Amino acid sequence: MKPQQARSDERDNQRVIRWGIGAAIFIFLLALAYNFLAQTREEGPVKPSTPTQSAPQLPSSSTTGSQSAPSSTAPQTAPSSTTAPQTAPAPANSQSK
């Protein structure tokens, strides 16, 4: 290879490296600006148009088969029409032999 061609290739490589570094820095700054602007937007929390109702709490499993009473601190709500109806547990067989 000619010495003149080698110097030209070396200059081209350095130019490409400089442009690549500049483009990487530019993209990094754009990403920082986007993140800054996305975090500082002043949007309030979205309020639902209809009030939401929490599902009734199901009693924990017990060995006696009886349901525990709801706690006094839990909100007392009527069962929703979308929840399955609760059935009473089957009575324990108390026959002795």
PDB file of N, CA and C in Angstrom:
ATOM      1  N   MET A   1       0.848  -1.168   0.000  1.00  0.00           N
ATOM      2  CA  MET A   1       0.000   0.000   0.000  1.00  0.00           C
ATOM      3  C   MET A   1       0.897   1.235   0.000  1.00  0.00           C
ATOM      4  N   LYS A   2       0.466   2.248  -0.687  1.00  0.00           N
ATOM      5  CA  LYS A   2       1.246   3.481  -0.774  1.00  0.00           C
ATOM      6  C   LYS A   2       1.189   4.234   0.541  1.00  0.00           C
ATOM      7  N   PRO A   3       2.242   4.942   0.905  1.00  0.00           N
ATOM      8  CA  PRO A   3       2.228   5.721   2.154  1.00  0.00           C
ATOM      9  C   PRO A   3       1.137   6.795   2.157  1.00  0.00           C
ATOM     10  N   GLN A   4       0.885   7.385   0.987  1.00  0.00           N
ATOM     11  CA  GLN A   4      -0.155   8.411   0.923  1.00  0.00           C
ATOM     12  C   GLN A   4      -1.540   7.804   1.199  1.00  0.00           C
ATOM     13  N   GLN A   5      -1.781   6.604   0.678  1.00  0.00           N
ATOM     14  CA  GLN A   5      -3.065   5.935   0.902  1.00  0.00           C
ATOM     15  C   GLN A   5      -3.222   5.547   2.374  1.00  0.00           C
ATOM     16  N   ALA A   6      -2.154   5.121   3.009  1.00  0.00           N
ATOM     17  CA  ALA A   6      -2.208   4.734   4.416  1.00  0.00           C
ATOM     18  C   ALA A   6      -2.541   5.940   5.288  1.00  0.00           C
ATOM     19  N   ARG A   7      -1.932   7.095   4.996  1.00  0.00           N
ATOM     20  CA  ARG A   7      -2.250   8.306   5.763  1.00  0.00           C
ATOM     21  C   ARG A   7      -3.697   8.729   5.562  1.00  0.00           C
ATOM     22  N   SER A   8      -4.216   8.584   4.338  1.00  0.00           N
ATOM     23  CA  SER A   8      -5.592   8.949   4.054  1.00  0.00           C
ATOM     24  C   SER A   8      -6.561   8.027   4.820  1.00  0.00           C
ATOM     25  N   ASP A   9      -6.241   6.725   4.835  1.00  0.00           N
ATOM     26  CA  ASP A   9      -7.092   5.778   5.566  1.00  0.00           C
ATOM     27  C   ASP A   9      -7.086   6.067   7.065  1.00  0.00           C
ATOM     28  N   GLU A  10      -5.903   6.419   7.565  1.00  0.00           N
ATOM     29  CA  GLU A  10      -5.794   6.725   8.993  1.00  0.00           C
ATOM     30  C   GLU A  10      -6.621   7.961   9.347  1.00  0.00           C
ATOM     31  N   ARG A  11      -6.576   8.972   8.494  1.00  0.00           N
ATOM     32  CA  ARG A  11      -7.381  10.177   8.732  1.00  0.00           C
ATOM     33  C   ARG A  11      -8.876   9.864   8.651  1.00  0.00           C
ATOM     34  N   ASP A  12      -9.255   9.011   7.698  1.00  0.00           N
ATOM     35  CA  ASP A  12     -10.664   8.634   7.581  1.00  0.00           C
ATOM     36  C   ASP A  12     -11.132   7.881   8.824  1.00  0.00           C
ATOM     37  N   ASN A  13     -10.300   6.993   9.335  1.00  0.00           N
ATOM     38  CA  ASN A  13     -10.667   6.243  10.539  1.00  0.00           C
ATOM     39  C   ASN A  13     -10.828   7.181  11.732  1.00  0.00           C
ATOM     40  N   GLN A  14      -9.935   8.129  11.881  1.00  0.00           N
ATOM     41  CA  GLN A  14     -10.039   9.077  12.991  1.00  0.00           C
ATOM     42  C   GLN A  14     -11.296   9.926  12.856  1.00  0.00           C
ATOM     43  N   ARG A  15     -11.630  10.303  11.649  1.00  0.00           N
ATOM     44  CA  ARG A  15     -12.826  11.103  11.410  1.00  0.00           C
ATOM     45  C   ARG A  15     -14.084  10.307  11.780  1.00  0.00           C
ATOM     46  N   VAL A  16     -14.116   9.025  11.405  1.00  0.00           N
ATOM     47  CA  VAL A  16     -15.264   8.187  11.728  1.00  0.00           C
ATOM     48  C   VAL A  16     -15.395   8.023  13.244  1.00  0.00           C
ATOM     49  N   ILE A  17     -14.268   7.838  13.918  1.00  0.00           N
ATOM     50  CA  ILE A  17     -14.294   7.690  15.371  1.00  0.00           C
ATOM     51  C   ILE A  17     -14.812   8.967  16.023  1.00  0.00           C
ATOM     52  N   ARG A  18     -14.356  10.120  15.563  1.00  0.00           N
ATOM     53  CA  ARG A  18     -14.826  11.385  16.135  1.00  0.00           C
ATOM     54  C   ARG A  18     -16.323  11.554  15.923  1.00  0.00           C
ATOM     55  N   TRP A  19     -16.817  11.266  14.719  1.00  0.00           N
ATOM     56  CA  TRP A  19     -18.245  11.376  14.448  1.00  0.00           C
ATOM     57  C   TRP A  19     -19.038  10.384  15.302  1.00  0.00           C
ATOM     58  N   GLY A  20     -18.532   9.187  15.486  1.00  0.00           N
ATOM     59  CA  GLY A  20     -19.220   8.178  16.302  1.00  0.00           C
ATOM     60  C   GLY A  20     -19.324   8.607  17.750  1.00  0.00           C
ATOM     61  N   ILE A  21     -18.234   9.142  18.291  1.00  0.00           N
ATOM     62  CA  ILE A  21     -18.245   9.622  19.673  1.00  0.00           C
ATOM     63  C   ILE A  21     -19.211  10.798  19.810  1.00  0.00           C
ATOM     64  N   GLY A  22     -19.183  11.705  18.857  1.00  0.00           N
ATOM     65  CA  GLY A  22     -20.096  12.857  18.888  1.00  0.00           C
ATOM     66  C   GLY A  22     -21.550  12.419  18.815  1.00  0.00           C
ATOM     67  N   ALA A  23     -21.856  11.446  17.945  1.00  0.00           N
ATOM     68  CA  ALA A  23     -23.232  10.958  17.835  1.00  0.00           C
ATOM     69  C   ALA A  23     -23.667  10.264  19.127  1.00  0.00           C
ATOM     70  N   ALA A  24     -22.779   9.498  19.755  1.00  0.00           N
ATOM     71  CA  ALA A  24     -23.117   8.811  21.008  1.00  0.00           C
ATOM     72  C   ALA A  24     -23.399   9.827  22.113  1.00  0.00           C
ATOM     73  N   ILE A  25     -22.601  10.881  22.198  1.00  0.00           N
ATOM     74  CA  ILE A  25     -22.821  11.918  23.214  1.00  0.00           C
ATOM     75  C   ILE A  25     -24.141  12.637  22.950  1.00  0.00           C
ATOM     76  N   PHE A  26     -24.430  12.916  21.689  1.00  0.00           N
ATOM     77  CA  PHE A  26     -25.667  13.599  21.330  1.00  0.00           C
ATOM     78  C   PHE A  26     -26.889  12.748  21.709  1.00  0.00           C
ATOM     79  N   ILE A  27     -26.844  11.465  21.407  1.00  0.00           N
ATOM     80  CA  ILE A  27     -27.956  10.575  21.754  1.00  0.00           C
ATOM     81  C   ILE A  27     -28.108  10.475  23.267  1.00  0.00           C
ATOM     82  N   PHE A  28     -26.991  10.425  23.993  1.00  0.00           N
ATOM     83  CA  PHE A  28     -27.033  10.369  25.454  1.00  0.00           C
ATOM     84  C   PHE A  28     -27.691  11.630  26.019  1.00  0.00           C
ATOM     85  N   LEU A  29     -27.338  12.787  25.492  1.00  0.00           N
ATOM     86  CA  LEU A  29     -27.940  14.038  25.961  1.00  0.00           C
ATOM     87  C   LEU A  29     -29.433  14.094  25.638  1.00  0.00           C
ATOM     88  N   LEU A  30     -29.820  13.589  24.479  1.00  0.00           N
ATOM     89  CA  LEU A  30     -31.242  13.547  24.144  1.00  0.00           C
ATOM     90  C   LEU A  30     -32.005  12.633  25.111  1.00  0.00           C
ATOM     91  N   ALA A  31     -31.412  11.500  25.464  1.00  0.00           N
ATOM     92  CA  ALA A  31     -32.063  10.590  26.405  1.00  0.00           C
ATOM     93  C   ALA A  31     -32.194  11.236  27.779  1.00  0.00           C
ATOM     94  N   LEU A  32     -31.168  11.947  28.224  1.00  0.00           N
ATOM     95  CA  LEU A  32     -31.244  12.644  29.513  1.00  0.00           C
ATOM     96  C   LEU A  32     -32.337  13.710  29.492  1.00  0.00           C
ATOM     97  N   ALA A  33     -32.414  14.471  28.409  1.00  0.00           N
ATOM     98  CA  ALA A  33     -33.426  15.515  28.307  1.00  0.00           C
ATOM     99  C   ALA A  33     -34.830  14.904  28.299  1.00  0.00           C
ATOM    100  N   TYR A  34     -35.012  13.802  27.592  1.00  0.00           N
ATOM    101  CA  TYR A  34     -36.319  13.146  27.562  1.00  0.00           C
ATOM    102  C   TYR A  34     -36.707  12.665  28.952  1.00  0.00           C
ATOM    103  N   ASN A  35     -35.798  12.022  29.658  1.00  0.00           N
ATOM    104  CA  ASN A  35     -36.097  11.541  31.004  1.00  0.00           C
ATOM    105  C   ASN A  35     -36.417  12.696  31.949  1.00  0.00           C
ATOM    106  N   PHE A  36     -35.671  13.780  31.843  1.00  0.00           N
ATOM    107  CA  PHE A  36     -35.932  14.942  32.696  1.00  0.00           C
ATOM    108  C   PHE A  36     -37.311  15.510  32.426  1.00  0.00           C
ATOM    109  N   LEU A  37     -37.658  15.659  31.154  1.00  0.00           N
ATOM    110  CA  LEU A  37     -38.965  16.214  30.804  1.00  0.00           C
ATOM    111  C   LEU A  37     -40.098  15.257  31.169  1.00  0.00           C
ATOM    112  N   ALA A  38     -39.887  13.964  31.044  1.00  0.00           N
ATOM    113  CA  ALA A  38     -40.929  12.992  31.376  1.00  0.00           C
ATOM    114  C   ALA A  38     -41.199  12.977  32.877  1.00  0.00           C
ATOM    115  N   GLN A  39     -40.188  13.193  33.693  1.00  0.00           N
ATOM    116  CA  GLN A  39     -40.373  13.169  35.139  1.00  0.00           C
ATOM    117  C   GLN A  39     -40.960  14.467  35.673  1.00  0.00           C
ATOM    118  N   THR A  40     -40.749  15.568  34.994  1.00  0.00           N
ATOM    119  CA  THR A  40     -41.213  16.851  35.508  1.00  0.00           C
ATOM    120  C   THR A  40     -42.565  17.268  34.951  1.00  0.00           C
ATOM    121  N   ARG A  41     -43.196  16.410  34.147  1.00  0.00           N
ATOM    122  CA  ARG A  41     -44.540  16.754  33.664  1.00  0.00           C
ATOM    123  C   ARG A  41     -45.459  16.867  34.853  1.00  0.00           C
ATOM    124  N   GLU A  42     -46.310  17.844  34.820  1.00  0.00           N
ATOM    125  CA  GLU A  42     -47.205  18.068  35.949  1.00  0.00           C
ATOM    126  C   GLU A  42     -48.584  17.520  35.622  1.00  0.00           C
ATOM    127  N   GLU A  43     -48.697  16.208  35.675  1.00  0.00           N
ATOM    128  CA  GLU A  43     -49.980  15.560  35.476  1.00  0.00           C
ATOM    129  C   GLU A  43     -50.460  15.061  36.819  1.00  0.00           C
ATOM    130  N   GLY A  44     -51.686  15.368  37.129  1.00  0.00           N
ATOM    131  CA  GLY A  44     -52.246  14.880  38.380  1.00  0.00           C
ATOM    132  C   GLY A  44     -52.613  13.415  38.248  1.00  0.00           C
ATOM    133  N   PRO A  45     -52.913  12.794  39.366  1.00  0.00           N
ATOM    134  CA  PRO A  45     -53.317  11.390  39.288  1.00  0.00           C
ATOM    135  C   PRO A  45     -54.658  11.255  38.576  1.00  0.00           C
ATOM    136  N   VAL A  46     -54.805  10.197  37.838  1.00  0.00           N
ATOM    137  CA  VAL A  46     -56.035   9.965  37.092  1.00  0.00           C
ATOM    138  C   VAL A  46     -57.080   9.451  38.063  1.00  0.00           C
ATOM    139  N   LYS A  47     -58.223  10.129  38.104  1.00  0.00           N
ATOM    140  CA  LYS A  47     -59.303   9.726  38.999  1.00  0.00           C
ATOM    141  C   LYS A  47     -60.310   8.911  38.191  1.00  0.00           C
ATOM    142  N   PRO A  48     -60.725   7.768  38.718  1.00  0.00           N
ATOM    143  CA  PRO A  48     -61.699   6.966  37.976  1.00  0.00           C
ATOM    144  C   PRO A  48     -63.050   7.667  37.914  1.00  0.00           C
ATOM    145  N   SER A  49     -63.765   7.440  36.837  1.00  0.00           N
ATOM    146  CA  SER A  49     -65.062   8.097  36.674  1.00  0.00           C
ATOM    147  C   SER A  49     -66.118   7.459  37.563  1.00  0.00           C
ATOM    148  N   THR A  50     -65.970   6.184  37.894  1.00  0.00           N
ATOM    149  CA  THR A  50     -66.906   5.516  38.786  1.00  0.00           C
ATOM    150  C   THR A  50     -66.149   5.074  40.031  1.00  0.00           C
ATOM    151  N   PRO A  51     -66.796   5.115  41.169  1.00  0.00           N
ATOM    152  CA  PRO A  51     -66.098   4.682  42.386  1.00  0.00           C
ATOM    153  C   PRO A  51     -65.828   3.178  42.337  1.00  0.00           C
ATOM    154  N   THR A  52     -64.670   2.808  42.811  1.00  0.00           N
ATOM    155  CA  THR A  52     -64.325   1.389  42.841  1.00  0.00           C
ATOM    156  C   THR A  52     -64.665   0.815  44.200  1.00  0.00           C
ATOM    157  N   GLN A  53     -65.012  -0.445  44.202  1.00  0.00           N
ATOM    158  CA  GLN A  53     -65.378  -1.101  45.446  1.00  0.00           C
ATOM    159  C   GLN A  53     -64.477  -2.315  45.604  1.00  0.00           C
ATOM    160  N   SER A  54     -63.870  -2.441  46.786  1.00  0.00           N
ATOM    161  CA  SER A  54     -62.999  -3.576  47.007  1.00  0.00           C
ATOM    162  C   SER A  54     -63.827  -4.827  47.231  1.00  0.00           C
ATOM    163  N   ALA A  55     -63.261  -5.954  46.872  1.00  0.00           N
ATOM    164  CA  ALA A  55     -63.950  -7.229  47.038  1.00  0.00           C
ATOM    165  C   ALA A  55     -64.028  -7.566  48.518  1.00  0.00           C
ATOM    166  N   PRO A  56     -65.099  -8.221  48.946  1.00  0.00           N
ATOM    167  CA  PRO A  56     -65.198  -8.596  50.357  1.00  0.00           C
ATOM    168  C   PRO A  56     -64.095  -9.582  50.709  1.00  0.00           C
ATOM    169  N   GLN A  57     -63.616  -9.474  51.936  1.00  0.00           N
ATOM    170  CA  GLN A  57     -62.537 -10.354  52.357  1.00  0.00           C
ATOM    171  C   GLN A  57     -63.104 -11.722  52.669  1.00  0.00           C
ATOM    172  N   LEU A  58     -62.457 -12.751  52.124  1.00  0.00           N
ATOM    173  CA  LEU A  58     -62.880 -14.111  52.390  1.00  0.00           C
ATOM    174  C   LEU A  58     -62.265 -14.556  53.706  1.00  0.00           C
ATOM    175  N   PRO A  59     -63.000 -15.335  54.507  1.00  0.00           N
ATOM    176  CA  PRO A  59     -62.442 -15.778  55.786  1.00  0.00           C
ATOM    177  C   PRO A  59     -61.293 -16.745  55.547  1.00  0.00           C
ATOM    178  N   SER A  60     -60.347 -16.749  56.474  1.00  0.00           N
ATOM    179  CA  SER A  60     -59.223 -17.667  56.356  1.00  0.00           C
ATOM    180  C   SER A  60     -59.694 -19.069  56.687  1.00  0.00           C
ATOM    181  N   SER A  61     -58.979 -20.047  56.202  1.00  0.00           N
ATOM    182  CA  SER A  61     -59.384 -21.434  56.444  1.00  0.00           C
ATOM    183  C   SER A  61     -59.241 -21.755  57.927  1.00  0.00           C
ATOM    184  N   SER A  62     -60.234 -22.439  58.466  1.00  0.00           N
ATOM    185  CA  SER A  62     -60.193 -22.817  59.870  1.00  0.00           C
ATOM    186  C   SER A  62     -60.489 -24.301  59.988  1.00  0.00           C
ATOM    187  N   THR A  63     -60.085 -24.906  61.099  1.00  0.00           N
ATOM    188  CA  THR A  63     -60.260 -26.340  61.279  1.00  0.00           C
ATOM    189  C   THR A  63     -61.669 -26.684  61.724  1.00  0.00           C
ATOM    190  N   THR A  64     -62.416 -25.760  62.323  1.00  0.00           N
ATOM    191  CA  THR A  64     -63.760 -26.056  62.803  1.00  0.00           C
ATOM    192  C   THR A  64     -64.809 -25.927  61.714  1.00  0.00           C
ATOM    193  N   GLY A  65     -64.508 -25.271  60.652  1.00  0.00           N
ATOM    194  CA  GLY A  65     -65.451 -25.119  59.560  1.00  0.00           C
ATOM    195  C   GLY A  65     -66.382 -23.942  59.738  1.00  0.00           C
ATOM    196  N   SER A  66     -66.248 -23.177  60.815  1.00  0.00           N
ATOM    197  CA  SER A  66     -67.111 -22.021  61.008  1.00  0.00           C
ATOM    198  C   SER A  66     -66.434 -20.792  60.431  1.00  0.00           C
ATOM    199  N   GLN A  67     -67.241 -19.866  59.980  1.00  0.00           N
ATOM    200  CA  GLN A  67     -66.688 -18.649  59.409  1.00  0.00           C
ATOM    201  C   GLN A  67     -66.477 -17.643  60.525  1.00  0.00           C
ATOM    202  N   SER A  68     -65.388 -16.916  60.431  1.00  0.00           N
ATOM    203  CA  SER A  68     -65.119 -15.901  61.438  1.00  0.00           C
ATOM    204  C   SER A  68     -65.864 -14.626  61.080  1.00  0.00           C
ATOM    205  N   ALA A  69     -66.142 -13.830  62.081  1.00  0.00           N
ATOM    206  CA  ALA A  69     -66.842 -12.568  61.864  1.00  0.00           C
ATOM    207  C   ALA A  69     -65.885 -11.569  61.238  1.00  0.00           C
ATOM    208  N   PRO A  70     -66.365 -10.676  60.370  1.00  0.00           N
ATOM    209  CA  PRO A  70     -65.474  -9.675  59.784  1.00  0.00           C
ATOM    210  C   PRO A  70     -64.944  -8.735  60.862  1.00  0.00           C
ATOM    211  N   SER A  71     -63.737  -8.275  60.646  1.00  0.00           N
ATOM    212  CA  SER A  71     -63.141  -7.393  61.645  1.00  0.00           C
ATOM    213  C   SER A  71     -63.858  -6.053  61.658  1.00  0.00           C
ATOM    214  N   SER A  72     -63.797  -5.370  62.789  1.00  0.00           N
ATOM    215  CA  SER A  72     -64.515  -4.109  62.925  1.00  0.00           C
ATOM    216  C   SER A  72     -63.832  -2.981  62.163  1.00  0.00           C
ATOM    217  N   THR A  73     -62.552  -3.143  61.831  1.00  0.00           N
ATOM    218  CA  THR A  73     -61.852  -2.078  61.117  1.00  0.00           C
ATOM    219  C   THR A  73     -62.051  -2.181  59.613  1.00  0.00           C
ATOM    220  N   ALA A  74     -62.466  -3.339  59.107  1.00  0.00           N
ATOM    221  CA  ALA A  74     -62.668  -3.499  57.670  1.00  0.00           C
ATOM    222  C   ALA A  74     -63.956  -2.812  57.260  1.00  0.00           C
ATOM    223  N   PRO A  75     -63.996  -2.216  56.078  1.00  0.00           N
ATOM    224  CA  PRO A  75     -65.230  -1.561  55.631  1.00  0.00           C
ATOM    225  C   PRO A  75     -66.300  -2.597  55.355  1.00  0.00           C
ATOM    226  N   GLN A  76     -67.500  -2.324  55.811  1.00  0.00           N
ATOM    227  CA  GLN A  76     -68.621  -3.226  55.622  1.00  0.00           C
ATOM    228  C   GLN A  76     -69.282  -2.874  54.300  1.00  0.00           C
ATOM    229  N   THR A  77     -69.174  -3.768  53.331  1.00  0.00           N
ATOM    230  CA  THR A  77     -69.767  -3.532  52.028  1.00  0.00           C
ATOM    231  C   THR A  77     -70.649  -4.706  51.658  1.00  0.00           C
ATOM    232  N   ALA A  78     -71.649  -4.438  50.869  1.00  0.00           N
ATOM    233  CA  ALA A  78     -72.529  -5.490  50.386  1.00  0.00           C
ATOM    234  C   ALA A  78     -71.789  -6.262  49.301  1.00  0.00           C
ATOM    235  N   PRO A  79     -72.058  -7.553  49.175  1.00  0.00           N
ATOM    236  CA  PRO A  79     -71.391  -8.324  48.125  1.00  0.00           C
ATOM    237  C   PRO A  79     -71.754  -7.779  46.747  1.00  0.00           C
ATOM    238  N   SER A  80     -70.799  -7.754  45.898  1.00  0.00           N
ATOM    239  CA  SER A  80     -71.018  -7.253  44.550  1.00  0.00           C
ATOM    240  C   SER A  80     -71.713  -8.320  43.724  1.00  0.00           C
ATOM    241  N   SER A  81     -72.428  -7.914  42.700  1.00  0.00           N
ATOM    242  CA  SER A  81     -73.130  -8.876  41.859  1.00  0.00           C
ATOM    243  C   SER A  81     -72.149  -9.649  40.988  1.00  0.00           C
ATOM    244  N   THR A  82     -70.928  -9.195  40.875  1.00  0.00           N
ATOM    245  CA  THR A  82     -69.952  -9.888  40.045  1.00  0.00           C
ATOM    246  C   THR A  82     -69.213 -10.972  40.809  1.00  0.00           C
ATOM    247  N   THR A  83     -69.345 -11.023  42.139  1.00  0.00           N
ATOM    248  CA  THR A  83     -68.657 -12.049  42.904  1.00  0.00           C
ATOM    249  C   THR A  83     -69.554 -13.266  43.048  1.00  0.00           C
ATOM    250  N   ALA A  84     -68.948 -14.419  43.213  1.00  0.00           N
ATOM    251  CA  ALA A  84     -69.705 -15.657  43.372  1.00  0.00           C
ATOM    252  C   ALA A  84     -70.345 -15.679  44.756  1.00  0.00           C
ATOM    253  N   PRO A  85     -71.539 -16.225  44.873  1.00  0.00           N
ATOM    254  CA  PRO A  85     -72.181 -16.288  46.192  1.00  0.00           C
ATOM    255  C   PRO A  85     -71.420 -17.254  47.091  1.00  0.00           C
ATOM    256  N   GLN A  86     -71.375 -16.916  48.367  1.00  0.00           N
ATOM    257  CA  GLN A  86     -70.689 -17.767  49.316  1.00  0.00           C
ATOM    258  C   GLN A  86     -71.674 -18.812  49.833  1.00  0.00           C
ATOM    259  N   THR A  87     -71.201 -20.046  49.973  1.00  0.00           N
ATOM    260  CA  THR A  87     -72.049 -21.118  50.487  1.00  0.00           C
ATOM    261  C   THR A  87     -71.564 -21.491  51.870  1.00  0.00           C
ATOM    262  N   ALA A  88     -72.459 -21.940  52.695  1.00  0.00           N
ATOM    263  CA  ALA A  88     -72.108 -22.341  54.044  1.00  0.00           C
ATOM    264  C   ALA A  88     -71.334 -23.647  53.985  1.00  0.00           C
ATOM    265  N   PRO A  89     -70.383 -23.862  54.895  1.00  0.00           N
ATOM    266  CA  PRO A  89     -69.622 -25.111  54.887  1.00  0.00           C
ATOM    267  C   PRO A  89     -70.536 -26.276  55.283  1.00  0.00           C
ATOM    268  N   ALA A  90     -70.200 -27.452  54.775  1.00  0.00           N
ATOM    269  CA  ALA A  90     -70.994 -28.647  55.072  1.00  0.00           C
ATOM    270  C   ALA A  90     -70.821 -28.995  56.553  1.00  0.00           C
ATOM    271  N   PRO A  91     -71.896 -29.443  57.211  1.00  0.00           N
ATOM    272  CA  PRO A  91     -71.774 -29.812  58.623  1.00  0.00           C
ATOM    273  C   PRO A  91     -70.873 -31.035  58.789  1.00  0.00           C
ATOM    274  N   ALA A  92     -70.122 -31.033  59.879  1.00  0.00           N
ATOM    275  CA  ALA A  92     -69.230 -32.145  60.143  1.00  0.00           C
ATOM    276  C   ALA A  92     -70.043 -33.357  60.585  1.00  0.00           C
ATOM    277  N   ASN A  93     -69.627 -34.521  60.153  1.00  0.00           N
ATOM    278  CA  ASN A  93     -70.306 -35.756  60.497  1.00  0.00           C
ATOM    279  C   ASN A  93     -69.904 -36.139  61.905  1.00  0.00           C
ATOM    280  N   SER A  94     -70.842 -36.093  62.855  1.00  0.00           N
ATOM    281  CA  SER A  94     -70.511 -36.322  64.258  1.00  0.00           C
ATOM    282  C   SER A  94     -71.030 -37.666  64.767  1.00  0.00           C
ATOM    283  N   GLN A  95     -71.252 -38.613  63.885  1.00  0.00           N
ATOM    284  CA  GLN A  95     -71.722 -39.917  64.328  1.00  0.00           C
ATOM    285  C   GLN A  95     -70.553 -40.717  64.886  1.00  0.00           C
ATOM    286  N   SER A  96     -70.798 -41.420  66.005  1.00  0.00           N
ATOM    287  CA  SER A  96     -69.740 -42.242  66.600  1.00  0.00           C
ATOM    288  C   SER A  96     -70.117 -43.702  66.485  1.00  0.00           C
ATOM    289  N   LYS A  97     -69.149 -44.556  66.424  1.00  0.00           N
ATOM    290  CA  LYS A  97     -69.397 -46.001  66.268  1.00  0.00           C
ATOM    291  C   LYS A  97     -69.283 -46.736  67.547  1.00  0.00           C
TER     292      LYS A  97
END
